[in-house]
Amino acid sequence: MIATAWAQDAGAAAAGAPSPALQLLPFALVFVVFYVLVIRPEQKKRQQQQKMLGDLKRNDVVVLASGLHGRVMALGDDVITLEIAPRVQVQCDRSAVQRIVGVDDPEKERQRS
């Protein structure tokens, strides 16, 4: 008689259980929200950063991740040379460039002197 009661409880629990697809629905919704709010904006930001690094050219004034400002003097595949003060040049990794501030024209600088 006790075995019969357990069998009836298991049958009742199985009949009320939601389908496996319905159980996975909350996880799918969490993933979609995570993708829309986190993954996709990060991908767009990374694409914009790569485009900006590809568009670097001589005489661009840039800001590095460390906050250092300088003018691009030479470009390599992975390394750029920045002038941070008159006749003071440093080399840094291209990926350290955070943003392009503007374009510096050395001809205007010579005319002011």
PDB file of N, CA and C in Angstrom:
ATOM      1  N   MET A   1       0.809  -1.182   0.000  1.00  0.00           N
ATOM      2  CA  MET A   1       0.000   0.000   0.000  1.00  0.00           C
ATOM      3  C   MET A   1       0.866   1.265   0.000  1.00  0.00           C
ATOM      4  N   ILE A   2       1.947   1.251   0.688  1.00  0.00           N
ATOM      5  CA  ILE A   2       2.845   2.414   0.701  1.00  0.00           C
ATOM      6  C   ILE A   2       3.491   2.576  -0.670  1.00  0.00           C
ATOM      7  N   ALA A   3       3.879   1.485  -1.306  1.00  0.00           N
ATOM      8  CA  ALA A   3       4.476   1.550  -2.641  1.00  0.00           C
ATOM      9  C   ALA A   3       3.499   2.159  -3.635  1.00  0.00           C
ATOM     10  N   THR A   4       2.248   1.865  -3.487  1.00  0.00           N
ATOM     11  CA  THR A   4       1.239   2.420  -4.373  1.00  0.00           C
ATOM     12  C   THR A   4       1.130   3.932  -4.172  1.00  0.00           C
ATOM     13  N   ALA A   5       1.213   4.373  -2.957  1.00  0.00           N
ATOM     14  CA  ALA A   5       1.113   5.805  -2.677  1.00  0.00           C
ATOM     15  C   ALA A   5       2.297   6.551  -3.295  1.00  0.00           C
ATOM     16  N   TRP A   6       3.491   5.982  -3.193  1.00  0.00           N
ATOM     17  CA  TRP A   6       4.667   6.631  -3.796  1.00  0.00           C
ATOM     18  C   TRP A   6       4.536   6.685  -5.306  1.00  0.00           C
ATOM     19  N   ALA A   7       4.020   5.648  -5.871  1.00  0.00           N
ATOM     20  CA  ALA A   7       3.854   5.620  -7.322  1.00  0.00           C
ATOM     21  C   ALA A   7       2.855   6.679  -7.759  1.00  0.00           C
ATOM     22  N   GLN A   8       1.817   6.895  -6.988  1.00  0.00           N
ATOM     23  CA  GLN A   8       0.835   7.915  -7.340  1.00  0.00           C
ATOM     24  C   GLN A   8       1.446   9.317  -7.222  1.00  0.00           C
ATOM     25  N   ASP A   9       2.289   9.561  -6.209  1.00  0.00           N
ATOM     26  CA  ASP A   9       2.938  10.868  -6.068  1.00  0.00           C
ATOM     27  C   ASP A   9       3.899  11.140  -7.227  1.00  0.00           C
ATOM     28  N   ALA A  10       4.647  10.156  -7.647  1.00  0.00           N
ATOM     29  CA  ALA A  10       5.588  10.345  -8.748  1.00  0.00           C
ATOM     30  C   ALA A  10       4.830  10.642 -10.036  1.00  0.00           C
ATOM     31  N   GLY A  11       3.747   9.970 -10.245  1.00  0.00           N
ATOM     32  CA  GLY A  11       2.942  10.215 -11.441  1.00  0.00           C
ATOM     33  C   GLY A  11       2.335  11.600 -11.416  1.00  0.00           C
ATOM     34  N   ALA A  12       1.905  12.048 -10.280  1.00  0.00           N
ATOM     35  CA  ALA A  12       1.298  13.371 -10.169  1.00  0.00           C
ATOM     36  C   ALA A  12       2.358  14.459 -10.381  1.00  0.00           C
ATOM     37  N   ALA A  13       3.573  14.242  -9.866  1.00  0.00           N
ATOM     38  CA  ALA A  13       4.640  15.221 -10.037  1.00  0.00           C
ATOM     39  C   ALA A  13       5.077  15.280 -11.497  1.00  0.00           C
ATOM     40  N   ALA A  14       5.150  14.128 -12.151  1.00  0.00           N
ATOM     41  CA  ALA A  14       5.568  14.091 -13.551  1.00  0.00           C
ATOM     42  C   ALA A  14       4.528  14.741 -14.444  1.00  0.00           C
ATOM     43  N   ALA A  15       3.281  14.602 -14.109  1.00  0.00           N
ATOM     44  CA  ALA A  15       2.225  15.183 -14.934  1.00  0.00           C
ATOM     45  C   ALA A  15       2.233  16.708 -14.833  1.00  0.00           C
ATOM     46  N   GLY A  16       2.632  17.275 -13.696  1.00  0.00           N
ATOM     47  CA  GLY A  16       2.627  18.722 -13.511  1.00  0.00           C
ATOM     48  C   GLY A  16       3.941  19.380 -13.897  1.00  0.00           C
ATOM     49  N   ALA A  17       4.982  18.611 -14.277  1.00  0.00           N
ATOM     50  CA  ALA A  17       6.285  19.180 -14.608  1.00  0.00           C
ATOM     51  C   ALA A  17       6.227  19.871 -15.976  1.00  0.00           C
ATOM     52  N   PRO A  18       6.847  21.037 -16.085  1.00  0.00           N
ATOM     53  CA  PRO A  18       6.857  21.719 -17.380  1.00  0.00           C
ATOM     54  C   PRO A  18       7.775  21.000 -18.368  1.00  0.00           C
ATOM     55  N   SER A  19       7.577  21.253 -19.623  1.00  0.00           N
ATOM     56  CA  SER A  19       8.377  20.601 -20.657  1.00  0.00           C
ATOM     57  C   SER A  19       9.828  21.110 -20.599  1.00  0.00           C
ATOM     58  N   PRO A  20      10.779  20.323 -21.099  1.00  0.00           N
ATOM     59  CA  PRO A  20      12.185  20.752 -21.072  1.00  0.00           C
ATOM     60  C   PRO A  20      12.411  22.071 -21.823  1.00  0.00           C
ATOM     61  N   ALA A  21      11.704  22.300 -22.899  1.00  0.00           N
ATOM     62  CA  ALA A  21      11.861  23.558 -23.635  1.00  0.00           C
ATOM     63  C   ALA A  21      11.422  24.745 -22.780  1.00  0.00           C
ATOM     64  N   LEU A  22      10.370  24.571 -22.021  1.00  0.00           N
ATOM     65  CA  LEU A  22       9.880  25.633 -21.157  1.00  0.00           C
ATOM     66  C   LEU A  22      10.849  25.892 -20.004  1.00  0.00           C
ATOM     67  N   GLN A  23      11.551  24.845 -19.547  1.00  0.00           N
ATOM     68  CA  GLN A  23      12.536  25.014 -18.479  1.00  0.00           C
ATOM     69  C   GLN A  23      13.761  25.784 -18.977  1.00  0.00           C
ATOM     70  N   LEU A  24      14.100  25.664 -20.254  1.00  0.00           N
ATOM     71  CA  LEU A  24      15.262  26.358 -20.809  1.00  0.00           C
ATOM     72  C   LEU A  24      14.960  27.802 -21.216  1.00  0.00           C
ATOM     73  N   LEU A  25      13.711  28.160 -21.271  1.00  0.00           N
ATOM     74  CA  LEU A  25      13.319  29.495 -21.693  1.00  0.00           C
ATOM     75  C   LEU A  25      13.934  30.607 -20.835  1.00  0.00           C
ATOM     76  N   PRO A  26      13.949  30.521 -19.507  1.00  0.00           N
ATOM     77  CA  PRO A  26      14.574  31.599 -18.714  1.00  0.00           C
ATOM     78  C   PRO A  26      16.066  31.764 -19.019  1.00  0.00           C
ATOM     79  N   PHE A  27      16.779  30.653 -19.250  1.00  0.00           N
ATOM     80  CA  PHE A  27      18.199  30.745 -19.572  1.00  0.00           C
ATOM     81  C   PHE A  27      18.405  31.424 -20.925  1.00  0.00           C
ATOM     82  N   ALA A  28      17.550  31.110 -21.879  1.00  0.00           N
ATOM     83  CA  ALA A  28      17.642  31.733 -23.198  1.00  0.00           C
ATOM     84  C   ALA A  28      17.372  33.233 -23.094  1.00  0.00           C
ATOM     85  N   LEU A  29      16.395  33.613 -22.300  1.00  0.00           N
ATOM     86  CA  LEU A  29      16.089  35.034 -22.122  1.00  0.00           C
ATOM     87  C   LEU A  29      17.246  35.777 -21.455  1.00  0.00           C
ATOM     88  N   VAL A  30      17.867  35.162 -20.466  1.00  0.00           N
ATOM     89  CA  VAL A  30      19.022  35.781 -19.803  1.00  0.00           C
ATOM     90  C   VAL A  30      20.153  35.966 -20.805  1.00  0.00           C
ATOM     91  N   PHE A  31      20.399  34.968 -21.651  1.00  0.00           N
ATOM     92  CA  PHE A  31      21.459  35.080 -22.647  1.00  0.00           C
ATOM     93  C   PHE A  31      21.166  36.196 -23.638  1.00  0.00           C
ATOM     94  N   VAL A  32      19.933  36.309 -24.090  1.00  0.00           N
ATOM     95  CA  VAL A  32      19.568  37.361 -25.048  1.00  0.00           C
ATOM     96  C   VAL A  32      19.770  38.739 -24.419  1.00  0.00           C
ATOM     97  N   VAL A  33      19.330  38.916 -23.196  1.00  0.00           N
ATOM     98  CA  VAL A  33      19.505  40.199 -22.511  1.00  0.00           C
ATOM     99  C   VAL A  33      20.993  40.490 -22.321  1.00  0.00           C
ATOM    100  N   PHE A  34      21.777  39.498 -21.917  1.00  0.00           N
ATOM    101  CA  PHE A  34      23.219  39.659 -21.732  1.00  0.00           C
ATOM    102  C   PHE A  34      23.883  40.048 -23.053  1.00  0.00           C
ATOM    103  N   TYR A  35      23.475  39.420 -24.145  1.00  0.00           N
ATOM    104  CA  TYR A  35      24.046  39.719 -25.457  1.00  0.00           C
ATOM    105  C   TYR A  35      23.733  41.157 -25.862  1.00  0.00           C
ATOM    106  N   VAL A  36      22.492  41.565 -25.689  1.00  0.00           N
ATOM    107  CA  VAL A  36      22.080  42.903 -26.115  1.00  0.00           C
ATOM    108  C   VAL A  36      22.722  43.986 -25.252  1.00  0.00           C
ATOM    109  N   LEU A  37      22.839  43.767 -23.958  1.00  0.00           N
ATOM    110  CA  LEU A  37      23.336  44.799 -23.059  1.00  0.00           C
ATOM    111  C   LEU A  37      24.848  44.807 -22.878  1.00  0.00           C
ATOM    112  N   VAL A  38      25.515  43.672 -23.093  1.00  0.00           N
ATOM    113  CA  VAL A  38      26.945  43.593 -22.799  1.00  0.00           C
ATOM    114  C   VAL A  38      27.781  43.233 -24.023  1.00  0.00           C
ATOM    115  N   ILE A  39      27.497  42.129 -24.649  1.00  0.00           N
ATOM    116  CA  ILE A  39      28.374  41.599 -25.694  1.00  0.00           C
ATOM    117  C   ILE A  39      28.356  42.482 -26.938  1.00  0.00           C
ATOM    118  N   ARG A  40      27.206  42.813 -27.448  1.00  0.00           N
ATOM    119  CA  ARG A  40      27.110  43.578 -28.700  1.00  0.00           C
ATOM    120  C   ARG A  40      27.722  44.977 -28.582  1.00  0.00           C
ATOM    121  N   PRO A  41      27.447  45.741 -27.531  1.00  0.00           N
ATOM    122  CA  PRO A  41      28.102  47.054 -27.424  1.00  0.00           C
ATOM    123  C   PRO A  41      29.628  46.942 -27.319  1.00  0.00           C
ATOM    124  N   GLU A  42      30.104  45.913 -26.654  1.00  0.00           N
ATOM    125  CA  GLU A  42      31.554  45.720 -26.540  1.00  0.00           C
ATOM    126  C   GLU A  42      32.166  45.397 -27.898  1.00  0.00           C
ATOM    127  N   GLN A  43      31.478  44.619 -28.710  1.00  0.00           N
ATOM    128  CA  GLN A  43      31.960  44.321 -30.054  1.00  0.00           C
ATOM    129  C   GLN A  43      32.021  45.586 -30.907  1.00  0.00           C
ATOM    130  N   LYS A  44      31.013  46.425 -30.823  1.00  0.00           N
ATOM    131  CA  LYS A  44      30.997  47.672 -31.581  1.00  0.00           C
ATOM    132  C   LYS A  44      32.138  48.583 -31.148  1.00  0.00           C
ATOM    133  N   LYS A  45      32.368  48.680 -29.846  1.00  0.00           N
ATOM    134  CA  LYS A  45      33.446  49.507 -29.324  1.00  0.00           C
ATOM    135  C   LYS A  45      34.800  48.996 -29.813  1.00  0.00           C
ATOM    136  N   ARG A  46      34.988  47.689 -29.805  1.00  0.00           N
ATOM    137  CA  ARG A  46      36.245  47.086 -30.271  1.00  0.00           C
ATOM    138  C   ARG A  46      36.452  47.351 -31.765  1.00  0.00           C
ATOM    139  N   GLN A  47      35.390  47.275 -32.559  1.00  0.00           N
ATOM    140  CA  GLN A  47      35.491  47.553 -33.992  1.00  0.00           C
ATOM    141  C   GLN A  47      35.865  49.016 -34.244  1.00  0.00           C
ATOM    142  N   GLN A  48      35.274  49.925 -33.496  1.00  0.00           N
ATOM    143  CA  GLN A  48      35.592  51.343 -33.647  1.00  0.00           C
ATOM    144  C   GLN A  48      37.050  51.619 -33.260  1.00  0.00           C
ATOM    145  N   GLN A  49      37.539  50.966 -32.199  1.00  0.00           N
ATOM    146  CA  GLN A  49      38.924  51.136 -31.762  1.00  0.00           C
ATOM    147  C   GLN A  49      39.886  50.626 -32.833  1.00  0.00           C
ATOM    148  N   GLN A  50      39.589  49.468 -33.424  1.00  0.00           N
ATOM    149  CA  GLN A  50      40.440  48.920 -34.471  1.00  0.00           C
ATOM    150  C   GLN A  50      40.455  49.830 -35.697  1.00  0.00           C
ATOM    151  N   LYS A  51      39.309  50.393 -36.045  1.00  0.00           N
ATOM    152  CA  LYS A  51      39.241  51.307 -37.186  1.00  0.00           C
ATOM    153  C   LYS A  51      40.056  52.560 -36.909  1.00  0.00           C
ATOM    154  N   MET A  52      39.952  53.087 -35.690  1.00  0.00           N
ATOM    155  CA  MET A  52      40.699  54.282 -35.316  1.00  0.00           C
ATOM    156  C   MET A  52      42.199  54.004 -35.373  1.00  0.00           C
ATOM    157  N   LEU A  53      42.639  52.849 -34.882  1.00  0.00           N
ATOM    158  CA  LEU A  53      44.062  52.511 -34.916  1.00  0.00           C
ATOM    159  C   LEU A  53      44.548  52.334 -36.353  1.00  0.00           C
ATOM    160  N   GLY A  54      43.695  51.821 -37.217  1.00  0.00           N
ATOM    161  CA  GLY A  54      44.063  51.665 -38.618  1.00  0.00           C
ATOM    162  C   GLY A  54      44.140  52.995 -39.358  1.00  0.00           C
ATOM    163  N   ASP A  55      43.406  53.994 -38.888  1.00  0.00           N
ATOM    164  CA  ASP A  55      43.375  55.300 -39.545  1.00  0.00           C
ATOM    165  C   ASP A  55      44.444  56.264 -39.028  1.00  0.00           C
ATOM    166  N   LEU A  56      45.283  55.827 -38.082  1.00  0.00           N
ATOM    167  CA  LEU A  56      46.337  56.705 -37.564  1.00  0.00           C
ATOM    168  C   LEU A  56      47.277  57.129 -38.682  1.00  0.00           C
ATOM    169  N   LYS A  57      47.725  58.385 -38.631  1.00  0.00           N
ATOM    170  CA  LYS A  57      48.690  58.875 -39.611  1.00  0.00           C
ATOM    171  C   LYS A  57      49.612  59.883 -38.937  1.00  0.00           C
ATOM    172  N   ARG A  58      50.666  60.253 -39.644  1.00  0.00           N
ATOM    173  CA  ARG A  58      51.621  61.219 -39.098  1.00  0.00           C
ATOM    174  C   ARG A  58      50.925  62.524 -38.730  1.00  0.00           C
ATOM    175  N   ASN A  59      51.438  63.142 -37.708  1.00  0.00           N
ATOM    176  CA  ASN A  59      50.976  64.443 -37.194  1.00  0.00           C
ATOM    177  C   ASN A  59      49.627  64.390 -36.490  1.00  0.00           C
ATOM    178  N   ASP A  60      49.054  63.201 -36.289  1.00  0.00           N
ATOM    179  CA  ASP A  60      47.856  63.095 -35.452  1.00  0.00           C
ATOM    180  C   ASP A  60      48.261  63.287 -33.998  1.00  0.00           C
ATOM    181  N   VAL A  61      47.486  64.065 -33.276  1.00  0.00           N
ATOM    182  CA  VAL A  61      47.713  64.224 -31.841  1.00  0.00           C
ATOM    183  C   VAL A  61      46.838  63.184 -31.146  1.00  0.00           C
ATOM    184  N   VAL A  62      47.470  62.346 -30.317  1.00  0.00           N
ATOM    185  CA  VAL A  62      46.765  61.225 -29.701  1.00  0.00           C
ATOM    186  C   VAL A  62      46.927  61.260 -28.190  1.00  0.00           C
ATOM    187  N   VAL A  63      46.046  60.537 -27.524  1.00  0.00           N
ATOM    188  CA  VAL A  63      46.123  60.332 -26.083  1.00  0.00           C
ATOM    189  C   VAL A  63      46.275  58.839 -25.854  1.00  0.00           C
ATOM    190  N   LEU A  64      47.283  58.468 -25.061  1.00  0.00           N
ATOM    191  CA  LEU A  64      47.518  57.060 -24.751  1.00  0.00           C
ATOM    192  C   LEU A  64      46.677  56.633 -23.555  1.00  0.00           C
ATOM    193  N   ALA A  65      46.629  55.352 -23.318  1.00  0.00           N
ATOM    194  CA  ALA A  65      45.871  54.812 -22.182  1.00  0.00           C
ATOM    195  C   ALA A  65      46.414  55.344 -20.859  1.00  0.00           C
ATOM    196  N   SER A  66      47.696  55.677 -20.818  1.00  0.00           N
ATOM    197  CA  SER A  66      48.304  56.197 -19.593  1.00  0.00           C
ATOM    198  C   SER A  66      47.992  57.680 -19.375  1.00  0.00           C
ATOM    199  N   GLY A  67      47.401  58.335 -20.385  1.00  0.00           N
ATOM    200  CA  GLY A  67      47.093  59.758 -20.284  1.00  0.00           C
ATOM    201  C   GLY A  67      48.131  60.628 -20.955  1.00  0.00           C
ATOM    202  N   LEU A  68      49.162  60.039 -21.508  1.00  0.00           N
ATOM    203  CA  LEU A  68      50.218  60.780 -22.184  1.00  0.00           C
ATOM    204  C   LEU A  68      49.715  61.308 -23.527  1.00  0.00           C
ATOM    205  N   HIS A  69      49.972  62.579 -23.796  1.00  0.00           N
ATOM    206  CA  HIS A  69      49.576  63.208 -25.053  1.00  0.00           C
ATOM    207  C   HIS A  69      50.817  63.339 -25.924  1.00  0.00           C
ATOM    208  N   GLY A  70      50.653  63.139 -27.222  1.00  0.00           N
ATOM    209  CA  GLY A  70      51.785  63.291 -28.116  1.00  0.00           C
ATOM    210  C   GLY A  70      51.351  63.346 -29.558  1.00  0.00           C
ATOM    211  N   ARG A  71      52.308  63.703 -30.429  1.00  0.00           N
ATOM    212  CA  ARG A  71      52.065  63.785 -31.861  1.00  0.00           C
ATOM    213  C   ARG A  71      52.748  62.604 -32.527  1.00  0.00           C
ATOM    214  N   VAL A  72      52.043  61.932 -33.414  1.00  0.00           N
ATOM    215  CA  VAL A  72      52.576  60.755 -34.093  1.00  0.00           C
ATOM    216  C   VAL A  72      53.645  61.213 -35.075  1.00  0.00           C
ATOM    217  N   MET A  73      54.856  60.650 -34.906  1.00  0.00           N
ATOM    218  CA  MET A  73      55.965  60.981 -35.796  1.00  0.00           C
ATOM    219  C   MET A  73      56.217  59.876 -36.811  1.00  0.00           C
ATOM    220  N   ALA A  74      56.082  58.624 -36.384  1.00  0.00           N
ATOM    221  CA  ALA A  74      56.328  57.489 -37.274  1.00  0.00           C
ATOM    222  C   ALA A  74      55.386  56.362 -36.876  1.00  0.00           C
ATOM    223  N   LEU A  75      55.005  55.573 -37.873  1.00  0.00           N
ATOM    224  CA  LEU A  75      54.082  54.460 -37.655  1.00  0.00           C
ATOM    225  C   LEU A  75      54.735  53.155 -38.083  1.00  0.00           C
ATOM    226  N   GLY A  76      54.600  52.145 -37.249  1.00  0.00           N
ATOM    227  CA  GLY A  76      55.001  50.793 -37.606  1.00  0.00           C
ATOM    228  C   GLY A  76      53.789  49.893 -37.505  1.00  0.00           C
ATOM    229  N   ASP A  77      53.993  48.601 -37.690  1.00  0.00           N
ATOM    230  CA  ASP A  77      52.865  47.679 -37.580  1.00  0.00           C
ATOM    231  C   ASP A  77      52.321  47.633 -36.152  1.00  0.00           C
ATOM    232  N   ASP A  78      53.219  47.512 -35.175  1.00  0.00           N
ATOM    233  CA  ASP A  78      52.798  47.398 -33.776  1.00  0.00           C
ATOM    234  C   ASP A  78      53.260  48.569 -32.918  1.00  0.00           C
ATOM    235  N   VAL A  79      54.235  49.338 -33.392  1.00  0.00           N
ATOM    236  CA  VAL A  79      54.849  50.395 -32.591  1.00  0.00           C
ATOM    237  C   VAL A  79      54.685  51.726 -33.314  1.00  0.00           C
ATOM    238  N   ILE A  80      54.399  52.772 -32.537  1.00  0.00           N
ATOM    239  CA  ILE A  80      54.367  54.124 -33.086  1.00  0.00           C
ATOM    240  C   ILE A  80      55.364  54.972 -32.309  1.00  0.00           C
ATOM    241  N   THR A  81      55.867  55.999 -32.960  1.00  0.00           N
ATOM    242  CA  THR A  81      56.781  56.939 -32.317  1.00  0.00           C
ATOM    243  C   THR A  81      56.030  58.238 -32.097  1.00  0.00           C
ATOM    244  N   LEU A  82      56.029  58.692 -30.855  1.00  0.00           N
ATOM    245  CA  LEU A  82      55.331  59.925 -30.486  1.00  0.00           C
ATOM    246  C   LEU A  82      56.337  60.990 -30.084  1.00  0.00           C
ATOM    247  N   GLU A  83      56.038  62.224 -30.438  1.00  0.00           N
ATOM    248  CA  GLU A  83      56.805  63.355 -29.934  1.00  0.00           C
ATOM    249  C   GLU A  83      55.981  63.953 -28.802  1.00  0.00           C
ATOM    250  N   ILE A  84      56.517  63.879 -27.585  1.00  0.00           N
ATOM    251  CA  ILE A  84      55.771  64.358 -26.419  1.00  0.00           C
ATOM    252  C   ILE A  84      56.205  65.759 -25.994  1.00  0.00           C
ATOM    253  N   ALA A  85      57.357  66.200 -26.509  1.00  0.00           N
ATOM    254  CA  ALA A  85      57.871  67.549 -26.290  1.00  0.00           C
ATOM    255  C   ALA A  85      58.803  67.830 -27.465  1.00  0.00           C
ATOM    256  N   PRO A  86      59.188  69.082 -27.673  1.00  0.00           N
ATOM    257  CA  PRO A  86      60.104  69.335 -28.787  1.00  0.00           C
ATOM    258  C   PRO A  86      61.371  68.485 -28.678  1.00  0.00           C
ATOM    259  N   ARG A  87      61.656  67.737 -29.704  1.00  0.00           N
ATOM    260  CA  ARG A  87      62.811  66.853 -29.840  1.00  0.00           C
ATOM    261  C   ARG A  87      62.854  65.738 -28.794  1.00  0.00           C
ATOM    262  N   VAL A  88      61.720  65.399 -28.201  1.00  0.00           N
ATOM    263  CA  VAL A  88      61.624  64.265 -27.268  1.00  0.00           C
ATOM    264  C   VAL A  88      60.645  63.267 -27.851  1.00  0.00           C
ATOM    265  N   GLN A  89      61.177  62.129 -28.284  1.00  0.00           N
ATOM    266  CA  GLN A  89      60.345  61.113 -28.924  1.00  0.00           C
ATOM    267  C   GLN A  89      60.380  59.830 -28.110  1.00  0.00           C
ATOM    268  N   VAL A  90      59.246  59.187 -28.026  1.00  0.00           N
ATOM    269  CA  VAL A  90      59.125  57.901 -27.343  1.00  0.00           C
ATOM    270  C   VAL A  90      58.398  56.928 -28.260  1.00  0.00           C
ATOM    271  N   GLN A  91      58.699  55.669 -28.066  1.00  0.00           N
ATOM    272  CA  GLN A  91      57.991  54.635 -28.815  1.00  0.00           C
ATOM    273  C   GLN A  91      56.989  53.982 -27.884  1.00  0.00           C
ATOM    274  N   CYS A  92      55.820  53.651 -28.430  1.00  0.00           N
ATOM    275  CA  CYS A  92      54.810  52.971 -27.637  1.00  0.00           C
ATOM    276  C   CYS A  92      54.055  51.999 -28.528  1.00  0.00           C
ATOM    277  N   ASP A  93      53.340  51.133 -27.890  1.00  0.00           N
ATOM    278  CA  ASP A  93      52.549  50.147 -28.597  1.00  0.00           C
ATOM    279  C   ASP A  93      51.345  50.827 -29.229  1.00  0.00           C
ATOM    280  N   ARG A  94      51.026  50.434 -30.434  1.00  0.00           N
ATOM    281  CA  ARG A  94      49.905  51.047 -31.155  1.00  0.00           C
ATOM    282  C   ARG A  94      48.597  50.854 -30.391  1.00  0.00           C
ATOM    283  N   SER A  95      48.443  49.734 -29.719  1.00  0.00           N
ATOM    284  CA  SER A  95      47.195  49.456 -29.006  1.00  0.00           C
ATOM    285  C   SER A  95      47.016  50.333 -27.763  1.00  0.00           C
ATOM    286  N   ALA A  96      48.064  51.067 -27.362  1.00  0.00           N
ATOM    287  CA  ALA A  96      47.953  51.956 -26.203  1.00  0.00           C
ATOM    288  C   ALA A  96      47.222  53.249 -26.540  1.00  0.00           C
ATOM    289  N   VAL A  97      47.031  53.526 -27.819  1.00  0.00           N
ATOM    290  CA  VAL A  97      46.342  54.762 -28.225  1.00  0.00           C
ATOM    291  C   VAL A  97      44.857  54.624 -27.894  1.00  0.00           C
ATOM    292  N   GLN A  98      44.351  55.574 -27.116  1.00  0.00           N
ATOM    293  CA  GLN A  98      42.949  55.556 -26.723  1.00  0.00           C
ATOM    294  C   GLN A  98      42.075  56.370 -27.672  1.00  0.00           C
ATOM    295  N   ARG A  99      42.583  57.544 -28.079  1.00  0.00           N
ATOM    296  CA  ARG A  99      41.777  58.374 -28.973  1.00  0.00           C
ATOM    297  C   ARG A  99      42.680  59.354 -29.719  1.00  0.00           C
ATOM    298  N   ILE A 100      42.154  59.835 -30.826  1.00  0.00           N
ATOM    299  CA  ILE A 100      42.834  60.856 -31.607  1.00  0.00           C
ATOM    300  C   ILE A 100      42.207  62.196 -31.224  1.00  0.00           C
ATOM    301  N   VAL A 101      43.040  63.116 -30.773  1.00  0.00           N
ATOM    302  CA  VAL A 101      42.552  64.415 -30.320  1.00  0.00           C
ATOM    303  C   VAL A 101      42.410  65.372 -31.489  1.00  0.00           C
ATOM    304  N   GLY A 102      43.357  65.339 -32.406  1.00  0.00           N
ATOM    305  CA  GLY A 102      43.309  66.243 -33.549  1.00  0.00           C
ATOM    306  C   GLY A 102      44.523  66.031 -34.425  1.00  0.00           C
ATOM    307  N   VAL A 103      44.741  66.970 -35.328  1.00  0.00           N
ATOM    308  CA  VAL A 103      45.889  66.920 -36.225  1.00  0.00           C
ATOM    309  C   VAL A 103      46.739  68.140 -35.938  1.00  0.00           C
ATOM    310  N   ASP A 104      48.027  67.917 -35.724  1.00  0.00           N
ATOM    311  CA  ASP A 104      48.953  69.005 -35.463  1.00  0.00           C
ATOM    312  C   ASP A 104      49.707  69.304 -36.750  1.00  0.00           C
ATOM    313  N   ASP A 105      49.729  70.564 -37.128  1.00  0.00           N
ATOM    314  CA  ASP A 105      50.434  70.964 -38.341  1.00  0.00           C
ATOM    315  C   ASP A 105      51.765  71.589 -37.948  1.00  0.00           C
ATOM    316  N   PRO A 106      52.880  70.920 -38.221  1.00  0.00           N
ATOM    317  CA  PRO A 106      54.180  71.473 -37.811  1.00  0.00           C
ATOM    318  C   PRO A 106      54.534  72.768 -38.533  1.00  0.00           C
ATOM    319  N   GLU A 107      53.980  73.014 -39.712  1.00  0.00           N
ATOM    320  CA  GLU A 107      54.238  74.253 -40.441  1.00  0.00           C
ATOM    321  C   GLU A 107      53.702  75.460 -39.668  1.00  0.00           C
ATOM    322  N   LYS A 108      52.530  75.350 -39.079  1.00  0.00           N
ATOM    323  CA  LYS A 108      51.963  76.434 -38.287  1.00  0.00           C
ATOM    324  C   LYS A 108      52.834  76.695 -37.062  1.00  0.00           C
ATOM    325  N   GLU A 109      53.371  75.632 -36.488  1.00  0.00           N
ATOM    326  CA  GLU A 109      54.223  75.750 -35.303  1.00  0.00           C
ATOM    327  C   GLU A 109      55.498  76.550 -35.638  1.00  0.00           C
ATOM    328  N   ARG A 110      56.087  76.289 -36.798  1.00  0.00           N
ATOM    329  CA  ARG A 110      57.291  76.996 -37.207  1.00  0.00           C
ATOM    330  C   ARG A 110      56.994  78.474 -37.467  1.00  0.00           C
ATOM    331  N   GLN A 111      55.822  78.773 -37.998  1.00  0.00           N
ATOM    332  CA  GLN A 111      55.465  80.152 -38.300  1.00  0.00           C
ATOM    333  C   GLN A 111      55.273  80.965 -37.018  1.00  0.00           C
ATOM    334  N   ARG A 112      54.812  80.324 -35.955  1.00  0.00           N
ATOM    335  CA  ARG A 112      54.607  81.023 -34.683  1.00  0.00           C
ATOM    336  C   ARG A 112      55.922  81.385 -34.029  1.00  0.00           C
ATOM    337  N   SER A 113      56.952  80.570 -34.253  1.00  0.00           N
ATOM    338  CA  SER A 113      58.257  80.791 -33.584  1.00  0.00           C
ATOM    339  C   SER A 113      58.993  81.973 -34.123  1.00  0.00           C
TER     340      SER A 113
END
